[in-house]
Amino acid sequence: MENSPVLQRWLQEVPDVQSDIRNDPSFRTRLRLGYLNLPSQENNSEDVSGISVGIEDVFIGRSGITASVDYQSAFNQDQEDYGAEVRYYVLPLGSYVNVAPVVGYRHIESDRNSTDGVNLGVRVVLSLSRTGAADASLSQSFVAPGTSEEVGITTLAVGYALTRHLRLSTQLQQQNTPHTKDNRLGVLLEWML
C-alpha cells in the first residue's frame, strides 16, 4: 500500500473521478525538437534534411483551449514553415478521444510556392494513455482558404513515451498546393511538461 500513489490517494479522500475526467487532460504540454525529411525543390534531386522545433498544447487556464507554435526549416535550401494556432477541445479533457477546431496563422515558403495567412482546420486526438504516454492525432487545415494560394495540410502524428517526461514522436505531413503535393516526415523528441 505504501508504494501505490493510487491507494494512498483513495485512503486520504475518495477522489471525484468525474471531475478528473472533465478537467484532467489525457495529453500534456510538450516541447518538441526533431529531424525532418523534406522534398527537394530542385527536379531530380534527393530529399533534403531539416529541423523542427515547437511547443504543443499549452493549456490556457483549466479550459479546453490550448496554444501551439512551431517552426520548420531545411538545412541547405530556402524552405521554411512556421505558425501559431489556438485549439479548442470540445470534449472533456480526460476523454480518450477529443476533437478541436483550429484557428491560427501559418507562413509557408519555398522556391516553388509562398503562402501565408489564416489557418483553419480540425484536429482529432486519440489518447491511448491518460498520462500522455501514448497518443495519435490527425489534423486537417487550410492556409489562406478560398484564395488562389490556398494550401491544404494533412498531418498524422504518433507519440510514445520513453520515460516519464521524454517521448518519441513521428509525424507524416502532406501539403497540397495548387501546383504541388509535398510529403514531409519528421522524427521528434518531446519533453512533456
N, C-alpha and C. Protein backbone atom coordinates (compact mmCIF):
# COMPACT_ATOMS: atom_id res chain seq x y z
N MET A 1 0.81 -1.20 0.00
CA MET A 1 0.00 0.00 0.00
C MET A 1 0.86 1.27 0.00
N GLU A 2 1.99 1.21 0.70
CA GLU A 2 2.83 2.40 0.81
C GLU A 2 3.44 2.81 -0.53
N ASN A 3 3.59 1.87 -1.46
CA ASN A 3 4.21 2.16 -2.76
C ASN A 3 3.19 2.50 -3.84
N SER A 4 1.92 2.56 -3.51
CA SER A 4 0.89 2.82 -4.50
C SER A 4 0.30 4.21 -4.32
N PRO A 5 0.62 5.16 -5.24
CA PRO A 5 0.05 6.50 -5.13
C PRO A 5 -1.48 6.49 -5.24
N VAL A 6 -2.01 5.56 -6.03
CA VAL A 6 -3.47 5.49 -6.21
C VAL A 6 -4.14 5.12 -4.89
N LEU A 7 -3.63 4.07 -4.23
CA LEU A 7 -4.22 3.67 -2.95
C LEU A 7 -4.06 4.75 -1.89
N GLN A 8 -2.91 5.40 -1.87
CA GLN A 8 -2.69 6.48 -0.91
C GLN A 8 -3.71 7.60 -1.10
N ARG A 9 -3.96 7.92 -2.35
CA ARG A 9 -4.92 8.99 -2.65
C ARG A 9 -6.32 8.59 -2.19
N TRP A 10 -6.71 7.34 -2.46
CA TRP A 10 -8.04 6.87 -2.07
C TRP A 10 -8.19 6.78 -0.55
N LEU A 11 -7.10 6.46 0.18
CA LEU A 11 -7.18 6.39 1.63
C LEU A 11 -7.34 7.78 2.26
N GLN A 12 -6.73 8.79 1.64
CA GLN A 12 -6.85 10.15 2.16
C GLN A 12 -8.25 10.71 1.91
N GLU A 13 -8.74 10.53 0.68
CA GLU A 13 -10.05 11.04 0.32
C GLU A 13 -10.49 10.36 -0.96
N VAL A 14 -11.77 10.02 -1.03
CA VAL A 14 -12.28 9.40 -2.25
C VAL A 14 -12.28 10.47 -3.35
N PRO A 15 -11.53 10.23 -4.44
CA PRO A 15 -11.42 11.26 -5.48
C PRO A 15 -12.71 11.41 -6.28
N ASP A 16 -12.90 12.60 -6.83
CA ASP A 16 -14.04 12.88 -7.71
C ASP A 16 -13.61 12.48 -9.13
N VAL A 17 -13.88 11.23 -9.50
CA VAL A 17 -13.42 10.69 -10.78
C VAL A 17 -14.04 11.44 -11.95
N GLN A 18 -15.31 11.80 -11.82
CA GLN A 18 -15.97 12.53 -12.91
C GLN A 18 -15.31 13.88 -13.15
N SER A 19 -14.93 14.57 -12.07
CA SER A 19 -14.23 15.85 -12.21
C SER A 19 -12.86 15.65 -12.86
N ASP A 20 -12.16 14.57 -12.47
CA ASP A 20 -10.86 14.28 -13.09
C ASP A 20 -10.99 14.08 -14.60
N ILE A 21 -12.02 13.34 -15.00
CA ILE A 21 -12.22 13.09 -16.42
C ILE A 21 -12.52 14.38 -17.17
N ARG A 22 -13.26 15.27 -16.55
CA ARG A 22 -13.62 16.52 -17.22
C ARG A 22 -12.44 17.50 -17.29
N ASN A 23 -11.64 17.56 -16.23
CA ASN A 23 -10.65 18.63 -16.14
C ASN A 23 -9.19 18.20 -16.22
N ASP A 24 -8.89 16.94 -16.01
CA ASP A 24 -7.52 16.45 -16.04
C ASP A 24 -7.18 15.98 -17.45
N PRO A 25 -6.34 16.68 -18.18
CA PRO A 25 -6.10 16.33 -19.58
C PRO A 25 -5.47 14.95 -19.75
N SER A 26 -5.90 14.23 -20.78
CA SER A 26 -5.30 12.94 -21.09
C SER A 26 -4.08 13.10 -22.01
N PHE A 27 -3.73 14.36 -22.33
CA PHE A 27 -2.50 14.65 -23.08
C PHE A 27 -1.85 15.85 -22.40
N ARG A 28 -0.54 16.00 -22.59
CA ARG A 28 0.21 17.02 -21.86
C ARG A 28 0.87 18.02 -22.80
N THR A 29 1.26 19.15 -22.25
CA THR A 29 2.04 20.14 -23.00
C THR A 29 3.40 19.54 -23.31
N ARG A 30 3.88 19.77 -24.56
CA ARG A 30 5.13 19.15 -24.99
C ARG A 30 6.03 20.16 -25.71
N LEU A 31 7.32 20.18 -25.33
CA LEU A 31 8.35 20.88 -26.08
C LEU A 31 8.91 19.90 -27.10
N ARG A 32 9.09 20.35 -28.35
CA ARG A 32 9.49 19.42 -29.41
C ARG A 32 10.75 19.90 -30.13
N LEU A 33 11.60 18.93 -30.47
CA LEU A 33 12.78 19.19 -31.29
C LEU A 33 13.03 17.93 -32.11
N GLY A 34 13.23 18.11 -33.43
CA GLY A 34 13.42 16.91 -34.22
C GLY A 34 13.96 17.13 -35.61
N TYR A 35 14.09 16.02 -36.30
CA TYR A 35 14.65 15.94 -37.66
C TYR A 35 13.51 15.83 -38.66
N LEU A 36 13.64 16.54 -39.79
CA LEU A 36 12.65 16.47 -40.85
C LEU A 36 13.29 15.99 -42.15
N ASN A 37 12.54 15.22 -42.90
CA ASN A 37 12.91 14.86 -44.26
C ASN A 37 11.94 15.60 -45.17
N LEU A 38 12.48 16.54 -45.97
CA LEU A 38 11.67 17.42 -46.81
C LEU A 38 11.92 17.13 -48.28
N PRO A 39 10.92 17.35 -49.13
CA PRO A 39 11.16 17.16 -50.56
C PRO A 39 12.09 18.23 -51.10
N SER A 40 12.94 17.86 -52.03
CA SER A 40 13.83 18.82 -52.66
C SER A 40 13.04 19.75 -53.56
N GLN A 41 13.49 21.00 -53.64
CA GLN A 41 12.84 21.98 -54.51
C GLN A 41 13.39 21.93 -55.93
N GLU A 42 14.43 21.13 -56.12
CA GLU A 42 15.03 21.02 -57.46
C GLU A 42 14.61 19.69 -58.07
N ASN A 43 14.33 19.72 -59.36
CA ASN A 43 13.92 18.49 -60.06
C ASN A 43 15.02 17.45 -60.04
N ASN A 44 14.62 16.19 -59.90
CA ASN A 44 15.52 15.05 -59.95
C ASN A 44 16.62 15.08 -58.89
N SER A 45 16.37 15.72 -57.75
CA SER A 45 17.36 15.64 -56.68
C SER A 45 16.78 14.96 -55.46
N GLU A 46 17.69 14.54 -54.61
CA GLU A 46 17.27 13.80 -53.42
C GLU A 46 16.58 14.74 -52.44
N ASP A 47 15.82 14.13 -51.53
CA ASP A 47 15.18 14.91 -50.48
C ASP A 47 16.24 15.55 -49.59
N VAL A 48 15.84 16.59 -48.87
CA VAL A 48 16.78 17.31 -48.02
C VAL A 48 16.37 17.17 -46.55
N SER A 49 17.32 17.45 -45.69
CA SER A 49 17.07 17.35 -44.25
C SER A 49 16.71 18.71 -43.70
N GLY A 50 16.06 18.69 -42.54
CA GLY A 50 15.68 19.93 -41.90
C GLY A 50 15.47 19.73 -40.41
N ILE A 51 15.03 20.79 -39.77
CA ILE A 51 14.81 20.78 -38.33
C ILE A 51 13.40 21.27 -38.02
N SER A 52 12.86 20.76 -36.93
CA SER A 52 11.55 21.19 -36.46
C SER A 52 11.63 21.47 -34.97
N VAL A 53 11.13 22.62 -34.55
CA VAL A 53 11.05 22.96 -33.13
C VAL A 53 9.66 23.51 -32.84
N GLY A 54 9.22 23.37 -31.61
CA GLY A 54 7.91 23.92 -31.28
C GLY A 54 7.47 23.56 -29.88
N ILE A 55 6.30 24.05 -29.53
CA ILE A 55 5.65 23.70 -28.29
C ILE A 55 4.19 23.42 -28.61
N GLU A 56 3.68 22.32 -28.09
CA GLU A 56 2.33 21.85 -28.42
C GLU A 56 1.42 21.89 -27.21
N ASP A 57 0.21 22.35 -27.43
CA ASP A 57 -0.87 22.28 -26.45
C ASP A 57 -0.53 22.89 -25.09
N VAL A 58 -0.21 24.17 -25.09
CA VAL A 58 -0.05 24.92 -23.85
C VAL A 58 -1.46 25.28 -23.37
N PHE A 59 -1.86 24.75 -22.23
CA PHE A 59 -3.22 24.97 -21.74
C PHE A 59 -3.40 26.38 -21.21
N ILE A 60 -4.51 26.99 -21.57
CA ILE A 60 -4.86 28.31 -21.08
C ILE A 60 -5.84 28.12 -19.93
N GLY A 61 -5.34 28.26 -18.72
CA GLY A 61 -6.15 28.00 -17.53
C GLY A 61 -6.53 26.54 -17.47
N ARG A 62 -7.72 26.25 -16.95
CA ARG A 62 -8.22 24.88 -16.86
C ARG A 62 -9.31 24.65 -17.90
N SER A 63 -9.24 25.42 -18.97
CA SER A 63 -10.23 25.29 -20.04
C SER A 63 -9.73 24.29 -21.08
N GLY A 64 -10.53 24.06 -22.10
CA GLY A 64 -10.14 23.19 -23.20
C GLY A 64 -9.40 23.93 -24.29
N ILE A 65 -8.97 25.16 -24.02
CA ILE A 65 -8.27 25.97 -25.02
C ILE A 65 -6.76 25.81 -24.85
N THR A 66 -6.07 25.51 -25.96
CA THR A 66 -4.62 25.39 -25.94
C THR A 66 -4.01 26.24 -27.06
N ALA A 67 -2.73 26.57 -26.90
CA ALA A 67 -1.99 27.30 -27.93
C ALA A 67 -0.77 26.47 -28.33
N SER A 68 -0.41 26.53 -29.60
CA SER A 68 0.75 25.80 -30.13
C SER A 68 1.52 26.69 -31.09
N VAL A 69 2.84 26.53 -31.11
CA VAL A 69 3.72 27.28 -32.01
C VAL A 69 4.75 26.30 -32.57
N ASP A 70 5.07 26.41 -33.87
CA ASP A 70 6.11 25.54 -34.43
C ASP A 70 6.88 26.24 -35.54
N TYR A 71 8.08 25.74 -35.81
CA TYR A 71 8.95 26.25 -36.87
C TYR A 71 9.66 25.08 -37.52
N GLN A 72 9.67 25.06 -38.86
CA GLN A 72 10.37 24.02 -39.63
C GLN A 72 11.22 24.69 -40.69
N SER A 73 12.42 24.15 -40.92
CA SER A 73 13.30 24.73 -41.92
C SER A 73 14.24 23.67 -42.48
N ALA A 74 14.55 23.78 -43.78
CA ALA A 74 15.54 22.91 -44.41
C ALA A 74 16.93 23.45 -44.09
N PHE A 75 17.92 22.55 -44.00
CA PHE A 75 19.28 22.97 -43.68
C PHE A 75 19.95 23.72 -44.82
N ASN A 76 19.78 23.23 -46.06
CA ASN A 76 20.56 23.81 -47.16
C ASN A 76 19.71 24.31 -48.32
N GLN A 77 18.43 24.56 -48.10
CA GLN A 77 17.58 25.14 -49.13
C GLN A 77 16.68 26.18 -48.49
N ASP A 78 16.15 27.06 -49.32
CA ASP A 78 15.26 28.11 -48.81
C ASP A 78 13.84 27.57 -48.64
N GLN A 79 13.67 26.78 -47.62
CA GLN A 79 12.35 26.27 -47.27
C GLN A 79 12.12 26.52 -45.80
N GLU A 80 11.01 27.16 -45.47
CA GLU A 80 10.65 27.31 -44.07
C GLU A 80 9.14 27.35 -43.93
N ASP A 81 8.70 26.97 -42.75
CA ASP A 81 7.28 26.84 -42.45
C ASP A 81 7.12 27.14 -40.96
N TYR A 82 6.33 28.14 -40.65
CA TYR A 82 6.12 28.42 -39.22
C TYR A 82 4.69 28.92 -39.00
N GLY A 83 4.26 28.79 -37.77
CA GLY A 83 2.91 29.25 -37.47
C GLY A 83 2.56 29.10 -36.00
N ALA A 84 1.40 29.64 -35.67
CA ALA A 84 0.85 29.55 -34.33
C ALA A 84 -0.63 29.27 -34.48
N GLU A 85 -1.17 28.51 -33.54
CA GLU A 85 -2.60 28.20 -33.61
C GLU A 85 -3.20 28.02 -32.23
N VAL A 86 -4.49 28.23 -32.16
CA VAL A 86 -5.27 28.01 -30.95
C VAL A 86 -6.24 26.88 -31.24
N ARG A 87 -6.34 25.95 -30.29
CA ARG A 87 -7.26 24.80 -30.43
C ARG A 87 -8.25 24.83 -29.27
N TYR A 88 -9.49 24.47 -29.56
CA TYR A 88 -10.49 24.37 -28.50
C TYR A 88 -11.02 22.94 -28.48
N TYR A 89 -10.62 22.17 -27.47
CA TYR A 89 -11.04 20.78 -27.36
C TYR A 89 -12.46 20.75 -26.80
N VAL A 90 -13.38 20.22 -27.59
CA VAL A 90 -14.81 20.32 -27.27
C VAL A 90 -15.29 19.26 -26.30
N LEU A 91 -14.60 18.14 -26.19
CA LEU A 91 -14.99 17.07 -25.27
C LEU A 91 -14.23 17.24 -23.95
N PRO A 92 -14.67 16.57 -22.88
CA PRO A 92 -13.92 16.66 -21.62
C PRO A 92 -12.45 16.32 -21.84
N LEU A 93 -11.55 17.05 -21.19
CA LEU A 93 -10.11 16.91 -21.43
C LEU A 93 -9.58 15.53 -21.09
N GLY A 94 -10.25 14.80 -20.22
CA GLY A 94 -9.80 13.46 -19.85
C GLY A 94 -10.30 12.37 -20.77
N SER A 95 -11.05 12.73 -21.80
CA SER A 95 -11.58 11.74 -22.73
C SER A 95 -10.46 11.08 -23.53
N TYR A 96 -10.69 9.83 -23.90
CA TYR A 96 -9.69 9.13 -24.72
C TYR A 96 -9.69 9.61 -26.16
N VAL A 97 -10.81 10.17 -26.60
CA VAL A 97 -10.91 10.76 -27.93
C VAL A 97 -11.35 12.21 -27.76
N ASN A 98 -10.72 13.12 -28.48
CA ASN A 98 -11.12 14.52 -28.41
C ASN A 98 -11.01 15.16 -29.78
N VAL A 99 -11.81 16.20 -29.97
CA VAL A 99 -11.87 16.91 -31.25
C VAL A 99 -11.71 18.40 -30.97
N ALA A 100 -10.93 19.09 -31.81
CA ALA A 100 -10.71 20.52 -31.61
C ALA A 100 -10.73 21.26 -32.94
N PRO A 101 -11.57 22.29 -33.07
CA PRO A 101 -11.38 23.21 -34.19
C PRO A 101 -10.09 23.99 -33.99
N VAL A 102 -9.44 24.36 -35.09
CA VAL A 102 -8.13 25.03 -35.06
C VAL A 102 -8.23 26.36 -35.77
N VAL A 103 -7.71 27.42 -35.14
CA VAL A 103 -7.63 28.75 -35.77
C VAL A 103 -6.23 29.27 -35.52
N GLY A 104 -5.59 29.82 -36.57
CA GLY A 104 -4.24 30.34 -36.37
C GLY A 104 -3.72 31.06 -37.58
N TYR A 105 -2.40 31.19 -37.62
CA TYR A 105 -1.69 31.83 -38.73
C TYR A 105 -0.55 30.92 -39.14
N ARG A 106 -0.29 30.80 -40.46
CA ARG A 106 0.83 29.98 -40.94
C ARG A 106 1.48 30.64 -42.14
N HIS A 107 2.81 30.52 -42.19
CA HIS A 107 3.62 31.01 -43.30
C HIS A 107 4.37 29.82 -43.89
N ILE A 108 4.25 29.61 -45.19
CA ILE A 108 4.93 28.51 -45.88
C ILE A 108 5.71 29.12 -47.04
N GLU A 109 7.02 28.85 -47.09
CA GLU A 109 7.84 29.44 -48.15
C GLU A 109 8.80 28.42 -48.72
N SER A 110 8.86 28.39 -50.06
CA SER A 110 9.83 27.57 -50.78
C SER A 110 10.10 28.23 -52.11
N ASP A 111 10.99 27.61 -52.91
CA ASP A 111 11.28 28.17 -54.23
C ASP A 111 10.05 28.12 -55.14
N ARG A 112 9.21 27.11 -54.93
CA ARG A 112 8.06 26.91 -55.81
C ARG A 112 6.79 27.61 -55.35
N ASN A 113 6.72 27.95 -54.07
CA ASN A 113 5.45 28.43 -53.55
C ASN A 113 5.69 29.28 -52.31
N SER A 114 4.87 30.29 -52.12
CA SER A 114 4.91 31.09 -50.90
C SER A 114 3.48 31.45 -50.53
N THR A 115 3.09 31.08 -49.33
CA THR A 115 1.73 31.32 -48.85
C THR A 115 1.79 31.71 -47.39
N ASP A 116 0.96 32.65 -47.02
CA ASP A 116 0.76 32.92 -45.61
C ASP A 116 -0.65 33.44 -45.41
N GLY A 117 -1.14 33.28 -44.19
CA GLY A 117 -2.47 33.76 -43.89
C GLY A 117 -3.13 32.95 -42.80
N VAL A 118 -4.42 33.12 -42.70
CA VAL A 118 -5.22 32.44 -41.69
C VAL A 118 -5.16 30.93 -41.92
N ASN A 119 -5.07 30.18 -40.83
CA ASN A 119 -5.04 28.73 -40.89
C ASN A 119 -6.27 28.20 -40.14
N LEU A 120 -7.17 27.53 -40.85
CA LEU A 120 -8.40 27.00 -40.25
C LEU A 120 -8.44 25.50 -40.44
N GLY A 121 -8.89 24.77 -39.41
CA GLY A 121 -8.96 23.32 -39.57
C GLY A 121 -9.58 22.63 -38.38
N VAL A 122 -9.32 21.33 -38.31
CA VAL A 122 -9.83 20.49 -37.22
C VAL A 122 -8.78 19.46 -36.87
N ARG A 123 -8.75 19.07 -35.59
CA ARG A 123 -7.77 18.10 -35.09
C ARG A 123 -8.51 17.05 -34.25
N VAL A 124 -8.16 15.79 -34.45
CA VAL A 124 -8.72 14.68 -33.67
C VAL A 124 -7.57 14.00 -32.93
N VAL A 125 -7.73 13.80 -31.61
CA VAL A 125 -6.69 13.19 -30.79
C VAL A 125 -7.22 11.91 -30.19
N LEU A 126 -6.45 10.84 -30.31
CA LEU A 126 -6.76 9.56 -29.67
C LEU A 126 -5.69 9.33 -28.60
N SER A 127 -6.10 9.44 -27.33
CA SER A 127 -5.16 9.26 -26.21
C SER A 127 -5.24 7.82 -25.73
N LEU A 128 -4.17 7.07 -25.92
CA LEU A 128 -4.14 5.67 -25.52
C LEU A 128 -3.78 5.53 -24.04
N SER A 129 -3.32 6.62 -23.44
CA SER A 129 -2.96 6.62 -22.02
C SER A 129 -3.29 7.99 -21.44
N ARG A 130 -3.88 8.01 -20.25
CA ARG A 130 -4.25 9.29 -19.63
C ARG A 130 -3.05 10.07 -19.11
N THR A 131 -1.88 9.49 -19.12
CA THR A 131 -0.68 10.19 -18.65
C THR A 131 0.10 10.85 -19.79
N GLY A 132 -0.39 10.73 -21.02
CA GLY A 132 0.34 11.26 -22.17
C GLY A 132 1.40 10.32 -22.68
N ALA A 133 1.39 9.07 -22.19
CA ALA A 133 2.44 8.12 -22.57
C ALA A 133 2.32 7.66 -24.02
N ALA A 134 1.12 7.66 -24.57
CA ALA A 134 0.94 7.23 -25.96
C ALA A 134 -0.31 7.89 -26.52
N ASP A 135 -0.18 8.44 -27.72
CA ASP A 135 -1.35 9.02 -28.38
C ASP A 135 -1.11 9.11 -29.88
N ALA A 136 -2.18 9.38 -30.59
CA ALA A 136 -2.12 9.59 -32.03
C ALA A 136 -3.05 10.76 -32.36
N SER A 137 -2.70 11.53 -33.36
CA SER A 137 -3.55 12.65 -33.76
C SER A 137 -3.58 12.77 -35.28
N LEU A 138 -4.70 13.27 -35.77
CA LEU A 138 -4.88 13.54 -37.20
C LEU A 138 -5.47 14.92 -37.32
N SER A 139 -4.85 15.76 -38.13
CA SER A 139 -5.38 17.11 -38.33
C SER A 139 -5.43 17.45 -39.81
N GLN A 140 -6.43 18.27 -40.13
CA GLN A 140 -6.59 18.78 -41.49
C GLN A 140 -6.84 20.27 -41.38
N SER A 141 -6.02 21.06 -42.07
CA SER A 141 -6.21 22.51 -42.03
C SER A 141 -5.95 23.11 -43.40
N PHE A 142 -6.38 24.36 -43.55
CA PHE A 142 -6.22 25.08 -44.81
C PHE A 142 -5.65 26.46 -44.51
N VAL A 143 -4.53 26.78 -45.17
CA VAL A 143 -3.89 28.08 -45.04
C VAL A 143 -4.40 28.96 -46.17
N ALA A 144 -4.77 30.19 -45.83
CA ALA A 144 -5.33 31.14 -46.80
C ALA A 144 -6.50 30.52 -47.57
N PRO A 145 -7.50 29.97 -46.86
CA PRO A 145 -8.60 29.29 -47.55
C PRO A 145 -9.38 30.24 -48.45
N GLY A 146 -9.80 29.71 -49.60
CA GLY A 146 -10.60 30.47 -50.54
C GLY A 146 -9.81 31.37 -51.46
N THR A 147 -8.48 31.37 -51.35
CA THR A 147 -7.66 32.20 -52.23
C THR A 147 -6.94 31.31 -53.25
N SER A 148 -6.27 31.93 -54.21
CA SER A 148 -5.53 31.16 -55.22
C SER A 148 -4.28 30.52 -54.63
N GLU A 149 -3.86 30.96 -53.44
CA GLU A 149 -2.66 30.43 -52.80
C GLU A 149 -3.00 29.43 -51.69
N GLU A 150 -4.22 28.95 -51.63
CA GLU A 150 -4.64 28.04 -50.57
C GLU A 150 -3.77 26.79 -50.51
N VAL A 151 -3.40 26.40 -49.29
CA VAL A 151 -2.62 25.19 -49.07
C VAL A 151 -3.36 24.31 -48.06
N GLY A 152 -3.61 23.06 -48.44
CA GLY A 152 -4.21 22.10 -47.52
C GLY A 152 -3.12 21.29 -46.84
N ILE A 153 -3.20 21.16 -45.53
CA ILE A 153 -2.18 20.44 -44.77
C ILE A 153 -2.85 19.32 -43.98
N THR A 154 -2.42 18.08 -44.25
CA THR A 154 -2.89 16.91 -43.51
C THR A 154 -1.72 16.36 -42.71
N THR A 155 -1.91 16.18 -41.40
CA THR A 155 -0.83 15.73 -40.53
C THR A 155 -1.28 14.56 -39.68
N LEU A 156 -0.52 13.48 -39.72
CA LEU A 156 -0.73 12.32 -38.85
C LEU A 156 0.48 12.21 -37.94
N ALA A 157 0.23 12.18 -36.62
CA ALA A 157 1.34 12.11 -35.65
C ALA A 157 1.05 11.01 -34.63
N VAL A 158 2.11 10.30 -34.25
CA VAL A 158 2.02 9.25 -33.24
C VAL A 158 3.16 9.45 -32.26
N GLY A 159 2.84 9.41 -30.96
CA GLY A 159 3.87 9.60 -29.93
C GLY A 159 3.83 8.50 -28.89
N TYR A 160 5.03 8.16 -28.36
CA TYR A 160 5.14 7.12 -27.35
C TYR A 160 6.21 7.53 -26.34
N ALA A 161 5.90 7.42 -25.05
CA ALA A 161 6.82 7.85 -24.00
C ALA A 161 7.96 6.84 -23.81
N LEU A 162 9.18 7.36 -23.69
CA LEU A 162 10.35 6.56 -23.38
C LEU A 162 10.62 6.58 -21.87
N THR A 163 10.36 7.72 -21.26
CA THR A 163 10.46 7.88 -19.80
C THR A 163 9.25 8.68 -19.35
N ARG A 164 9.23 9.06 -18.08
CA ARG A 164 8.10 9.81 -17.55
C ARG A 164 7.91 11.15 -18.25
N HIS A 165 9.00 11.78 -18.69
CA HIS A 165 8.92 13.10 -19.31
C HIS A 165 9.34 13.14 -20.78
N LEU A 166 9.98 12.11 -21.28
CA LEU A 166 10.53 12.13 -22.65
C LEU A 166 9.75 11.19 -23.56
N ARG A 167 9.34 11.72 -24.72
CA ARG A 167 8.61 10.93 -25.71
C ARG A 167 9.31 10.96 -27.05
N LEU A 168 9.07 9.93 -27.83
CA LEU A 168 9.49 9.88 -29.23
C LEU A 168 8.24 10.00 -30.07
N SER A 169 8.28 10.88 -31.05
CA SER A 169 7.10 11.13 -31.87
C SER A 169 7.48 11.09 -33.35
N THR A 170 6.60 10.55 -34.16
CA THR A 170 6.78 10.60 -35.61
C THR A 170 5.62 11.38 -36.21
N GLN A 171 5.91 12.07 -37.28
CA GLN A 171 4.91 12.93 -37.91
C GLN A 171 5.00 12.80 -39.42
N LEU A 172 3.89 12.50 -40.05
CA LEU A 172 3.81 12.45 -41.51
C LEU A 172 2.86 13.54 -41.95
N GLN A 173 3.35 14.41 -42.83
CA GLN A 173 2.54 15.56 -43.26
C GLN A 173 2.52 15.65 -44.78
N GLN A 174 1.35 15.98 -45.31
CA GLN A 174 1.22 16.24 -46.75
C GLN A 174 0.69 17.64 -46.94
N GLN A 175 1.40 18.44 -47.76
CA GLN A 175 0.96 19.78 -48.09
C GLN A 175 0.52 19.80 -49.55
N ASN A 176 -0.73 20.17 -49.77
CA ASN A 176 -1.28 20.23 -51.12
C ASN A 176 -1.45 21.69 -51.53
N THR A 177 -0.67 22.11 -52.51
CA THR A 177 -0.81 23.46 -53.07
C THR A 177 -1.46 23.33 -54.44
N PRO A 178 -1.85 24.44 -55.05
CA PRO A 178 -2.42 24.35 -56.40
C PRO A 178 -1.46 23.73 -57.42
N HIS A 179 -0.14 23.73 -57.11
CA HIS A 179 0.84 23.25 -58.09
C HIS A 179 1.53 21.96 -57.69
N THR A 180 1.67 21.70 -56.42
CA THR A 180 2.45 20.53 -55.98
C THR A 180 1.81 19.84 -54.79
N LYS A 181 2.30 18.62 -54.53
CA LYS A 181 1.98 17.88 -53.31
C LYS A 181 3.29 17.47 -52.68
N ASP A 182 3.55 17.97 -51.48
CA ASP A 182 4.79 17.68 -50.78
C ASP A 182 4.51 16.81 -49.56
N ASN A 183 5.34 15.78 -49.38
CA ASN A 183 5.26 14.94 -48.19
C ASN A 183 6.45 15.23 -47.29
N ARG A 184 6.20 15.31 -45.99
CA ARG A 184 7.26 15.55 -45.02
C ARG A 184 7.18 14.49 -43.94
N LEU A 185 8.33 14.00 -43.55
CA LEU A 185 8.40 13.01 -42.47
C LEU A 185 9.28 13.58 -41.37
N GLY A 186 8.78 13.55 -40.14
CA GLY A 186 9.54 14.06 -39.01
C GLY A 186 9.68 13.03 -37.91
N VAL A 187 10.84 13.02 -37.26
CA VAL A 187 11.07 12.20 -36.06
C VAL A 187 11.49 13.19 -34.98
N LEU A 188 10.71 13.25 -33.89
CA LEU A 188 10.92 14.29 -32.89
C LEU A 188 11.05 13.74 -31.48
N LEU A 189 11.87 14.39 -30.67
CA LEU A 189 11.91 14.14 -29.25
C LEU A 189 11.04 15.19 -28.57
N GLU A 190 10.19 14.76 -27.65
CA GLU A 190 9.27 15.67 -26.98
C GLU A 190 9.49 15.58 -25.47
N TRP A 191 9.59 16.74 -24.84
CA TRP A 191 9.70 16.82 -23.39
C TRP A 191 8.33 17.21 -22.85
N MET A 192 7.72 16.33 -22.05
CA MET A 192 6.38 16.59 -21.52
C MET A 192 6.47 17.41 -20.25
N LEU A 193 5.75 18.51 -20.21
CA LEU A 193 5.74 19.40 -19.05
C LEU A 193 4.64 19.00 -18.07
